[in-house]
Amino acid sequence: MWTDTPDDPAGLDNAGILYWDPNARGTDETGAMGNGMYRLMDGGLRYVQGHWPTDPVKLFDPTNTVTVYGENNIPPELLPKSYPPPPGAPTHK
């Protein structure tokens, strides 16, 4: 839920469109291969408040969908931010 207040009860600032494809093949969390995966629409594009698509989306069309992000196809906006360590934190060597 998006709000105009400083409170962020849901903790979400963006959302995406996805659907379940029972025929998509891939591995589950344990590494077992099987059928059935979520497909993220528009290459996994995320939308913020006020920018949700107004044109009809092509649900159940696997074109331009993502089931798993690999090392080379993570959208830049989904990459973790890099922050400096807090003062006095140990350094990694």
PDB file of N, CA and C in Angstrom:
ATOM      1  N   MET A   1       0.842  -1.166   0.000  1.00  0.00           N
ATOM      2  CA  MET A   1       0.000   0.000   0.000  1.00  0.00           C
ATOM      3  C   MET A   1       0.893   1.236   0.000  1.00  0.00           C
ATOM      4  N   TRP A   2       0.613   2.128  -0.921  1.00  0.00           N
ATOM      5  CA  TRP A   2       1.368   3.363  -0.962  1.00  0.00           C
ATOM      6  C   TRP A   2       0.600   4.419  -0.185  1.00  0.00           C
ATOM      7  N   THR A   3       1.333   5.203   0.565  1.00  0.00           N
ATOM      8  CA  THR A   3       0.681   6.279   1.310  1.00  0.00           C
ATOM      9  C   THR A   3       1.460   7.560   1.113  1.00  0.00           C
ATOM     10  N   ASP A   4       0.817   8.655   1.431  1.00  0.00           N
ATOM     11  CA  ASP A   4       1.473   9.960   1.354  1.00  0.00           C
ATOM     12  C   ASP A   4       2.001  10.388   2.717  1.00  0.00           C
ATOM     13  N   THR A   5       2.056   9.460   3.643  1.00  0.00           N
ATOM     14  CA  THR A   5       2.546   9.768   4.983  1.00  0.00           C
ATOM     15  C   THR A   5       3.940   9.181   5.155  1.00  0.00           C
ATOM     16  N   PRO A   6       4.668   9.586   6.187  1.00  0.00           N
ATOM     17  CA  PRO A   6       5.991   9.015   6.421  1.00  0.00           C
ATOM     18  C   PRO A   6       5.930   7.543   6.825  1.00  0.00           C
ATOM     19  N   ASP A   7       4.757   7.084   7.286  1.00  0.00           N
ATOM     20  CA  ASP A   7       4.617   5.675   7.648  1.00  0.00           C
ATOM     21  C   ASP A   7       4.653   4.818   6.393  1.00  0.00           C
ATOM     22  N   ASP A   8       5.224   3.644   6.515  1.00  0.00           N
ATOM     23  CA  ASP A   8       5.300   2.708   5.388  1.00  0.00           C
ATOM     24  C   ASP A   8       4.851   1.345   5.895  1.00  0.00           C
ATOM     25  N   PRO A   9       3.537   1.183   6.170  1.00  0.00           N
ATOM     26  CA  PRO A   9       3.075  -0.027   6.840  1.00  0.00           C
ATOM     27  C   PRO A   9       3.329  -1.312   6.062  1.00  0.00           C
ATOM     28  N   ALA A  10       3.326  -1.261   4.747  1.00  0.00           N
ATOM     29  CA  ALA A  10       3.533  -2.468   3.967  1.00  0.00           C
ATOM     30  C   ALA A  10       5.002  -2.676   3.611  1.00  0.00           C
ATOM     31  N   GLY A  11       5.806  -1.626   3.690  1.00  0.00           N
ATOM     32  CA  GLY A  11       7.218  -1.757   3.355  1.00  0.00           C
ATOM     33  C   GLY A  11       7.485  -1.896   1.872  1.00  0.00           C
ATOM     34  N   LEU A  12       6.506  -1.632   1.039  1.00  0.00           N
ATOM     35  CA  LEU A  12       6.675  -1.767  -0.410  1.00  0.00           C
ATOM     36  C   LEU A  12       6.619  -0.397  -1.067  1.00  0.00           C
ATOM     37  N   ASP A  13       7.565  -0.133  -1.929  1.00  0.00           N
ATOM     38  CA  ASP A  13       7.570   1.127  -2.659  1.00  0.00           C
ATOM     39  C   ASP A  13       7.349   0.914  -4.150  1.00  0.00           C
ATOM     40  N   ASN A  14       7.330  -0.353  -4.571  1.00  0.00           N
ATOM     41  CA  ASN A  14       7.091  -0.653  -5.977  1.00  0.00           C
ATOM     42  C   ASN A  14       6.436  -2.024  -6.081  1.00  0.00           C
ATOM     43  N   ALA A  15       5.923  -2.335  -7.262  1.00  0.00           N
ATOM     44  CA  ALA A  15       5.253  -3.611  -7.489  1.00  0.00           C
ATOM     45  C   ALA A  15       5.469  -4.028  -8.933  1.00  0.00           C
ATOM     46  N   GLY A  16       5.356  -5.302  -9.185  1.00  0.00           N
ATOM     47  CA  GLY A  16       5.487  -5.836 -10.530  1.00  0.00           C
ATOM     48  C   GLY A  16       4.292  -6.699 -10.862  1.00  0.00           C
ATOM     49  N   ILE A  17       4.213  -7.098 -12.114  1.00  0.00           N
ATOM     50  CA  ILE A  17       3.127  -7.957 -12.583  1.00  0.00           C
ATOM     51  C   ILE A  17       3.714  -9.329 -12.873  1.00  0.00           C
ATOM     52  N   LEU A  18       3.079 -10.348 -12.349  1.00  0.00           N
ATOM     53  CA  LEU A  18       3.559 -11.702 -12.600  1.00  0.00           C
ATOM     54  C   LEU A  18       2.382 -12.650 -12.740  1.00  0.00           C
ATOM     55  N   TYR A  19       2.658 -13.826 -13.291  1.00  0.00           N
ATOM     56  CA  TYR A  19       1.642 -14.871 -13.368  1.00  0.00           C
ATOM     57  C   TYR A  19       2.326 -16.223 -13.260  1.00  0.00           C
ATOM     58  N   TRP A  20       1.556 -17.244 -12.904  1.00  0.00           N
ATOM     59  CA  TRP A  20       2.051 -18.605 -12.749  1.00  0.00           C
ATOM     60  C   TRP A  20       1.959 -19.313 -14.093  1.00  0.00           C
ATOM     61  N   ASP A  21       3.082 -19.876 -14.546  1.00  0.00           N
ATOM     62  CA  ASP A  21       3.126 -20.650 -15.780  1.00  0.00           C
ATOM     63  C   ASP A  21       3.376 -22.104 -15.395  1.00  0.00           C
ATOM     64  N   PRO A  22       2.361 -22.963 -15.459  1.00  0.00           N
ATOM     65  CA  PRO A  22       2.538 -24.354 -15.040  1.00  0.00           C
ATOM     66  C   PRO A  22       3.468 -25.142 -15.956  1.00  0.00           C
ATOM     67  N   ASN A  23       3.774 -24.612 -17.141  1.00  0.00           N
ATOM     68  CA  ASN A  23       4.631 -25.330 -18.090  1.00  0.00           C
ATOM     69  C   ASN A  23       6.084 -24.873 -18.085  1.00  0.00           C
ATOM     70  N   ALA A  24       6.377 -23.763 -17.420  1.00  0.00           N
ATOM     71  CA  ALA A  24       7.765 -23.274 -17.378  1.00  0.00           C
ATOM     72  C   ALA A  24       8.604 -24.243 -16.557  1.00  0.00           C
ATOM     73  N   ARG A  25       9.780 -24.590 -17.065  1.00  0.00           N
ATOM     74  CA  ARG A  25      10.659 -25.523 -16.362  1.00  0.00           C
ATOM     75  C   ARG A  25      11.792 -24.763 -15.689  1.00  0.00           C
ATOM     76  N   GLY A  26      12.127 -25.228 -14.506  1.00  0.00           N
ATOM     77  CA  GLY A  26      13.222 -24.617 -13.781  1.00  0.00           C
ATOM     78  C   GLY A  26      13.444 -25.327 -12.464  1.00  0.00           C
ATOM     79  N   THR A  27      14.416 -24.843 -11.739  1.00  0.00           N
ATOM     80  CA  THR A  27      14.727 -25.458 -10.456  1.00  0.00           C
ATOM     81  C   THR A  27      14.023 -24.718  -9.323  1.00  0.00           C
ATOM     82  N   ASP A  28      13.693 -25.487  -8.298  1.00  0.00           N
ATOM     83  CA  ASP A  28      13.082 -24.873  -7.130  1.00  0.00           C
ATOM     84  C   ASP A  28      14.165 -24.493  -6.120  1.00  0.00           C
ATOM     85  N   GLU A  29      13.734 -24.116  -4.928  1.00  0.00           N
ATOM     86  CA  GLU A  29      14.667 -23.639  -3.913  1.00  0.00           C
ATOM     87  C   GLU A  29      15.663 -24.703  -3.459  1.00  0.00           C
ATOM     88  N   THR A  30      15.317 -25.971  -3.685  1.00  0.00           N
ATOM     89  CA  THR A  30      16.220 -27.058  -3.279  1.00  0.00           C
ATOM     90  C   THR A  30      17.107 -27.522  -4.422  1.00  0.00           C
ATOM     91  N   GLY A  31      16.921 -26.952  -5.618  1.00  0.00           N
ATOM     92  CA  GLY A  31      17.710 -27.339  -6.781  1.00  0.00           C
ATOM     93  C   GLY A  31      17.066 -28.427  -7.613  1.00  0.00           C
ATOM     94  N   ALA A  32      15.873 -28.898  -7.224  1.00  0.00           N
ATOM     95  CA  ALA A  32      15.174 -29.933  -7.990  1.00  0.00           C
ATOM     96  C   ALA A  32      14.527 -29.319  -9.223  1.00  0.00           C
ATOM     97  N   MET A  33      14.680 -29.995 -10.370  1.00  0.00           N
ATOM     98  CA  MET A  33      14.090 -29.543 -11.625  1.00  0.00           C
ATOM     99  C   MET A  33      12.625 -29.943 -11.663  1.00  0.00           C
ATOM    100  N   GLY A  34      11.778 -29.050 -12.175  1.00  0.00           N
ATOM    101  CA  GLY A  34      10.363 -29.378 -12.282  1.00  0.00           C
ATOM    102  C   GLY A  34       9.623 -28.373 -13.131  1.00  0.00           C
ATOM    103  N   ASN A  35       8.333 -28.564 -13.239  1.00  0.00           N
ATOM    104  CA  ASN A  35       7.465 -27.670 -13.999  1.00  0.00           C
ATOM    105  C   ASN A  35       6.736 -26.729 -13.050  1.00  0.00           C
ATOM    106  N   GLY A  36       6.516 -25.498 -13.518  1.00  0.00           N
ATOM    107  CA  GLY A  36       5.766 -24.508 -12.782  1.00  0.00           C
ATOM    108  C   GLY A  36       6.666 -23.437 -12.202  1.00  0.00           C
ATOM    109  N   MET A  37       6.540 -22.226 -12.748  1.00  0.00           N
ATOM    110  CA  MET A  37       7.320 -21.088 -12.264  1.00  0.00           C
ATOM    111  C   MET A  37       6.504 -19.815 -12.466  1.00  0.00           C
ATOM    112  N   TYR A  38       6.798 -18.824 -11.640  1.00  0.00           N
ATOM    113  CA  TYR A  38       6.215 -17.513 -11.876  1.00  0.00           C
ATOM    114  C   TYR A  38       6.963 -16.840 -13.009  1.00  0.00           C
ATOM    115  N   ARG A  39       6.235 -16.109 -13.830  1.00  0.00           N
ATOM    116  CA  ARG A  39       6.827 -15.293 -14.889  1.00  0.00           C
ATOM    117  C   ARG A  39       6.597 -13.826 -14.552  1.00  0.00           C
ATOM    118  N   LEU A  40       7.674 -13.062 -14.521  1.00  0.00           N
ATOM    119  CA  LEU A  40       7.601 -11.624 -14.284  1.00  0.00           C
ATOM    120  C   LEU A  40       7.420 -10.925 -15.626  1.00  0.00           C
ATOM    121  N   MET A  41       6.408 -10.103 -15.734  1.00  0.00           N
ATOM    122  CA  MET A  41       6.088  -9.417 -16.985  1.00  0.00           C
ATOM    123  C   MET A  41       7.097  -8.306 -17.291  1.00  0.00           C
ATOM    124  N   ASP A  42       7.198  -7.972 -18.560  1.00  0.00           N
ATOM    125  CA  ASP A  42       8.037  -6.859 -19.029  1.00  0.00           C
ATOM    126  C   ASP A  42       9.459  -6.956 -18.508  1.00  0.00           C
ATOM    127  N   GLY A  43      10.026  -8.151 -18.544  1.00  0.00           N
ATOM    128  CA  GLY A  43      11.405  -8.348 -18.104  1.00  0.00           C
ATOM    129  C   GLY A  43      11.593  -8.121 -16.617  1.00  0.00           C
ATOM    130  N   GLY A  44      10.507  -8.156 -15.843  1.00  0.00           N
ATOM    131  CA  GLY A  44      10.604  -7.953 -14.409  1.00  0.00           C
ATOM    132  C   GLY A  44      10.488  -6.503 -13.986  1.00  0.00           C
ATOM    133  N   LEU A  45      10.009  -5.645 -14.884  1.00  0.00           N
ATOM    134  CA  LEU A  45       9.889  -4.218 -14.595  1.00  0.00           C
ATOM    135  C   LEU A  45       9.050  -3.996 -13.343  1.00  0.00           C
ATOM    136  N   ARG A  46       9.486  -3.080 -12.497  1.00  0.00           N
ATOM    137  CA  ARG A  46       8.776  -2.709 -11.276  1.00  0.00           C
ATOM    138  C   ARG A  46       8.173  -1.318 -11.471  1.00  0.00           C
ATOM    139  N   TYR A  47       7.041  -1.087 -10.860  1.00  0.00           N
ATOM    140  CA  TYR A  47       6.329   0.181 -11.008  1.00  0.00           C
ATOM    141  C   TYR A  47       6.164   0.846  -9.651  1.00  0.00           C
ATOM    142  N   VAL A  48       6.315   2.153  -9.623  1.00  0.00           N
ATOM    143  CA  VAL A  48       6.072   2.923  -8.408  1.00  0.00           C
ATOM    144  C   VAL A  48       4.701   3.583  -8.524  1.00  0.00           C
ATOM    145  N   GLN A  49       4.243   4.113  -7.405  1.00  0.00           N
ATOM    146  CA  GLN A  49       2.940   4.748  -7.363  1.00  0.00           C
ATOM    147  C   GLN A  49       2.820   5.799  -8.455  1.00  0.00           C
ATOM    148  N   GLY A  50       1.701   5.766  -9.158  1.00  0.00           N
ATOM    149  CA  GLY A  50       1.441   6.731 -10.215  1.00  0.00           C
ATOM    150  C   GLY A  50       2.008   6.338 -11.565  1.00  0.00           C
ATOM    151  N   HIS A  51       2.716   5.216 -11.651  1.00  0.00           N
ATOM    152  CA  HIS A  51       3.313   4.796 -12.913  1.00  0.00           C
ATOM    153  C   HIS A  51       2.905   3.385 -13.326  1.00  0.00           C
ATOM    154  N   TRP A  52       1.811   2.890 -12.748  1.00  0.00           N
ATOM    155  CA  TRP A  52       1.302   1.572 -13.117  1.00  0.00           C
ATOM    156  C   TRP A  52       0.863   1.634 -14.576  1.00  0.00           C
ATOM    157  N   PRO A  53       1.110   0.573 -15.373  1.00  0.00           N
ATOM    158  CA  PRO A  53       0.754   0.646 -16.798  1.00  0.00           C
ATOM    159  C   PRO A  53      -0.748   0.839 -16.998  1.00  0.00           C
ATOM    160  N   THR A  54      -1.080   1.633 -17.993  1.00  0.00           N
ATOM    161  CA  THR A  54      -2.492   1.865 -18.307  1.00  0.00           C
ATOM    162  C   THR A  54      -2.932   1.063 -19.523  1.00  0.00           C
ATOM    163  N   ASP A  55      -1.986   0.625 -20.361  1.00  0.00           N
ATOM    164  CA  ASP A  55      -2.327  -0.238 -21.491  1.00  0.00           C
ATOM    165  C   ASP A  55      -2.523  -1.663 -20.984  1.00  0.00           C
ATOM    166  N   PRO A  56      -3.365  -2.440 -21.655  1.00  0.00           N
ATOM    167  CA  PRO A  56      -3.560  -3.830 -21.235  1.00  0.00           C
ATOM    168  C   PRO A  56      -2.232  -4.601 -21.285  1.00  0.00           C
ATOM    169  N   VAL A  57      -2.001  -5.443 -20.285  1.00  0.00           N
ATOM    170  CA  VAL A  57      -0.804  -6.279 -20.271  1.00  0.00           C
ATOM    171  C   VAL A  57      -1.134  -7.617 -20.918  1.00  0.00           C
ATOM    172  N   LYS A  58      -0.133  -8.255 -21.485  1.00  0.00           N
ATOM    173  CA  LYS A  58      -0.330  -9.517 -22.194  1.00  0.00           C
ATOM    174  C   LYS A  58      -0.059 -10.691 -21.252  1.00  0.00           C
ATOM    175  N   LEU A  59      -0.945 -10.850 -20.253  1.00  0.00           N
ATOM    176  CA  LEU A  59      -0.787 -11.974 -19.341  1.00  0.00           C
ATOM    177  C   LEU A  59      -0.829 -13.287 -20.121  1.00  0.00           C
ATOM    178  N   PHE A  60      -0.055 -14.229 -19.658  1.00  0.00           N
ATOM    179  CA  PHE A  60       0.022 -15.581 -20.214  1.00  0.00           C
ATOM    180  C   PHE A  60       0.711 -15.628 -21.571  1.00  0.00           C
ATOM    181  N   ASP A  61       1.370 -14.541 -21.964  1.00  0.00           N
ATOM    182  CA  ASP A  61       2.234 -14.518 -23.144  1.00  0.00           C
ATOM    183  C   ASP A  61       3.673 -14.469 -22.612  1.00  0.00           C
ATOM    184  N   PRO A  62       4.445 -15.553 -22.806  1.00  0.00           N
ATOM    185  CA  PRO A  62       5.781 -15.601 -22.218  1.00  0.00           C
ATOM    186  C   PRO A  62       6.813 -14.671 -22.850  1.00  0.00           C
ATOM    187  N   THR A  63       6.450 -13.978 -23.937  1.00  0.00           N
ATOM    188  CA  THR A  63       7.371 -13.048 -24.571  1.00  0.00           C
ATOM    189  C   THR A  63       7.763 -11.950 -23.589  1.00  0.00           C
ATOM    190  N   ASN A  64       9.059 -11.680 -23.476  1.00  0.00           N
ATOM    191  CA  ASN A  64       9.601 -10.625 -22.622  1.00  0.00           C
ATOM    192  C   ASN A  64       9.270 -10.831 -21.144  1.00  0.00           C
ATOM    193  N   THR A  65       9.256 -12.100 -20.721  1.00  0.00           N
ATOM    194  CA  THR A  65       9.064 -12.393 -19.301  1.00  0.00           C
ATOM    195  C   THR A  65      10.352 -12.974 -18.736  1.00  0.00           C
ATOM    196  N   VAL A  66      10.460 -12.979 -17.411  1.00  0.00           N
ATOM    197  CA  VAL A  66      11.619 -13.527 -16.712  1.00  0.00           C
ATOM    198  C   VAL A  66      11.110 -14.503 -15.668  1.00  0.00           C
ATOM    199  N   THR A  67      11.743 -15.671 -15.583  1.00  0.00           N
ATOM    200  CA  THR A  67      11.405 -16.612 -14.515  1.00  0.00           C
ATOM    201  C   THR A  67      12.463 -16.578 -13.417  1.00  0.00           C
ATOM    202  N   VAL A  68      13.712 -16.438 -13.811  1.00  0.00           N
ATOM    203  CA  VAL A  68      14.821 -16.386 -12.855  1.00  0.00           C
ATOM    204  C   VAL A  68      15.815 -15.346 -13.345  1.00  0.00           C
ATOM    205  N   TYR A  69      16.250 -14.488 -12.432  1.00  0.00           N
ATOM    206  CA  TYR A  69      17.297 -13.546 -12.795  1.00  0.00           C
ATOM    207  C   TYR A  69      18.634 -14.249 -12.704  1.00  0.00           C
ATOM    208  N   GLY A  70      19.419 -14.140 -13.763  1.00  0.00           N
ATOM    209  CA  GLY A  70      20.778 -14.641 -13.759  1.00  0.00           C
ATOM    210  C   GLY A  70      21.729 -13.503 -13.474  1.00  0.00           C
ATOM    211  N   GLU A  71      22.981 -13.835 -13.412  1.00  0.00           N
ATOM    212  CA  GLU A  71      23.999 -12.832 -13.095  1.00  0.00           C
ATOM    213  C   GLU A  71      24.016 -11.689 -14.096  1.00  0.00           C
ATOM    214  N   ASN A  72      23.631 -11.965 -15.340  1.00  0.00           N
ATOM    215  CA  ASN A  72      23.741 -10.947 -16.392  1.00  0.00           C
ATOM    216  C   ASN A  72      22.424 -10.286 -16.760  1.00  0.00           C
ATOM    217  N   ASN A  73      21.320 -10.636 -16.097  1.00  0.00           N
ATOM    218  CA  ASN A  73      20.062  -9.999 -16.497  1.00  0.00           C
ATOM    219  C   ASN A  73      19.310  -9.376 -15.323  1.00  0.00           C
ATOM    220  N   ILE A  74      20.020  -8.984 -14.275  1.00  0.00           N
ATOM    221  CA  ILE A  74      19.378  -8.307 -13.156  1.00  0.00           C
ATOM    222  C   ILE A  74      19.227  -6.831 -13.515  1.00  0.00           C
ATOM    223  N   PRO A  75      17.986  -6.321 -13.500  1.00  0.00           N
ATOM    224  CA  PRO A  75      17.813  -4.900 -13.802  1.00  0.00           C
ATOM    225  C   PRO A  75      18.560  -4.034 -12.793  1.00  0.00           C
ATOM    226  N   PRO A  76      19.196  -2.972 -13.239  1.00  0.00           N
ATOM    227  CA  PRO A  76      19.984  -2.126 -12.334  1.00  0.00           C
ATOM    228  C   PRO A  76      19.201  -1.637 -11.118  1.00  0.00           C
ATOM    229  N   GLU A  77      17.911  -1.365 -11.302  1.00  0.00           N
ATOM    230  CA  GLU A  77      17.135  -0.855 -10.166  1.00  0.00           C
ATOM    231  C   GLU A  77      16.880  -1.918  -9.092  1.00  0.00           C
ATOM    232  N   LEU A  78      17.157  -3.192  -9.404  1.00  0.00           N
ATOM    233  CA  LEU A  78      16.981  -4.254  -8.420  1.00  0.00           C
ATOM    234  C   LEU A  78      18.286  -4.670  -7.748  1.00  0.00           C
ATOM    235  N   LEU A  79      19.395  -4.120  -8.203  1.00  0.00           N
ATOM    236  CA  LEU A  79      20.681  -4.438  -7.575  1.00  0.00           C
ATOM    237  C   LEU A  79      20.761  -3.787  -6.197  1.00  0.00           C
ATOM    238  N   PRO A  80      21.353  -4.481  -5.227  1.00  0.00           N
ATOM    239  CA  PRO A  80      21.482  -3.861  -3.905  1.00  0.00           C
ATOM    240  C   PRO A  80      22.363  -2.629  -3.961  1.00  0.00           C
ATOM    241  N   LYS A  81      22.011  -1.645  -3.159  1.00  0.00           N
ATOM    242  CA  LYS A  81      22.813  -0.428  -3.090  1.00  0.00           C
ATOM    243  C   LYS A  81      24.076  -0.703  -2.283  1.00  0.00           C
ATOM    244  N   SER A  82      25.108   0.027  -2.571  1.00  0.00           N
ATOM    245  CA  SER A  82      26.366  -0.097  -1.846  1.00  0.00           C
ATOM    246  C   SER A  82      26.477   1.073  -0.873  1.00  0.00           C
ATOM    247  N   TYR A  83      26.644   0.743   0.389  1.00  0.00           N
ATOM    248  CA  TYR A  83      26.754   1.766   1.420  1.00  0.00           C
ATOM    249  C   TYR A  83      28.119   1.674   2.082  1.00  0.00           C
ATOM    250  N   PRO A  84      28.681   2.768   2.519  1.00  0.00           N
ATOM    251  CA  PRO A  84      29.949   2.706   3.232  1.00  0.00           C
ATOM    252  C   PRO A  84      29.723   2.020   4.585  1.00  0.00           C
ATOM    253  N   PRO A  85      30.748   1.341   5.109  1.00  0.00           N
ATOM    254  CA  PRO A  85      30.579   0.705   6.421  1.00  0.00           C
ATOM    255  C   PRO A  85      30.468   1.764   7.513  1.00  0.00           C
ATOM    256  N   PRO A  86      29.780   1.416   8.599  1.00  0.00           N
ATOM    257  CA  PRO A  86      29.689   2.382   9.695  1.00  0.00           C
ATOM    258  C   PRO A  86      31.048   2.613  10.320  1.00  0.00           C
ATOM    259  N   PRO A  87      31.254   3.760  10.938  1.00  0.00           N
ATOM    260  CA  PRO A  87      32.548   4.047  11.573  1.00  0.00           C
ATOM    261  C   PRO A  87      32.898   2.949  12.581  1.00  0.00           C
ATOM    262  N   GLY A  88      34.133   2.491  12.525  1.00  0.00           N
ATOM    263  CA  GLY A  88      34.618   1.477  13.458  1.00  0.00           C
ATOM    264  C   GLY A  88      34.317   0.051  13.062  1.00  0.00           C
ATOM    265  N   ALA A  89      33.626  -0.147  11.914  1.00  0.00           N
ATOM    266  CA  ALA A  89      33.311  -1.510  11.482  1.00  0.00           C
ATOM    267  C   ALA A  89      34.567  -2.211  11.002  1.00  0.00           C
ATOM    268  N   PRO A  90      34.683  -3.528  11.233  1.00  0.00           N
ATOM    269  CA  PRO A  90      35.856  -4.252  10.747  1.00  0.00           C
ATOM    270  C   PRO A  90      35.889  -4.263   9.229  1.00  0.00           C
ATOM    271  N   THR A  91      37.050  -4.305   8.645  1.00  0.00           N
ATOM    272  CA  THR A  91      37.187  -4.360   7.192  1.00  0.00           C
ATOM    273  C   THR A  91      37.487  -5.788   6.763  1.00  0.00           C
ATOM    274  N   HIS A  92      37.045  -6.126   5.591  1.00  0.00           N
ATOM    275  CA  HIS A  92      37.287  -7.460   5.019  1.00  0.00           C
ATOM    276  C   HIS A  92      38.546  -7.409   4.178  1.00  0.00           C
ATOM    277  N   LYS A  93      39.364  -8.419   4.307  1.00  0.00           N
ATOM    278  CA  LYS A  93      40.591  -8.470   3.506  1.00  0.00           C
ATOM    279  C   LYS A  93      40.621  -9.690   2.644  1.00  0.00           C
TER     280      LYS A  93
END
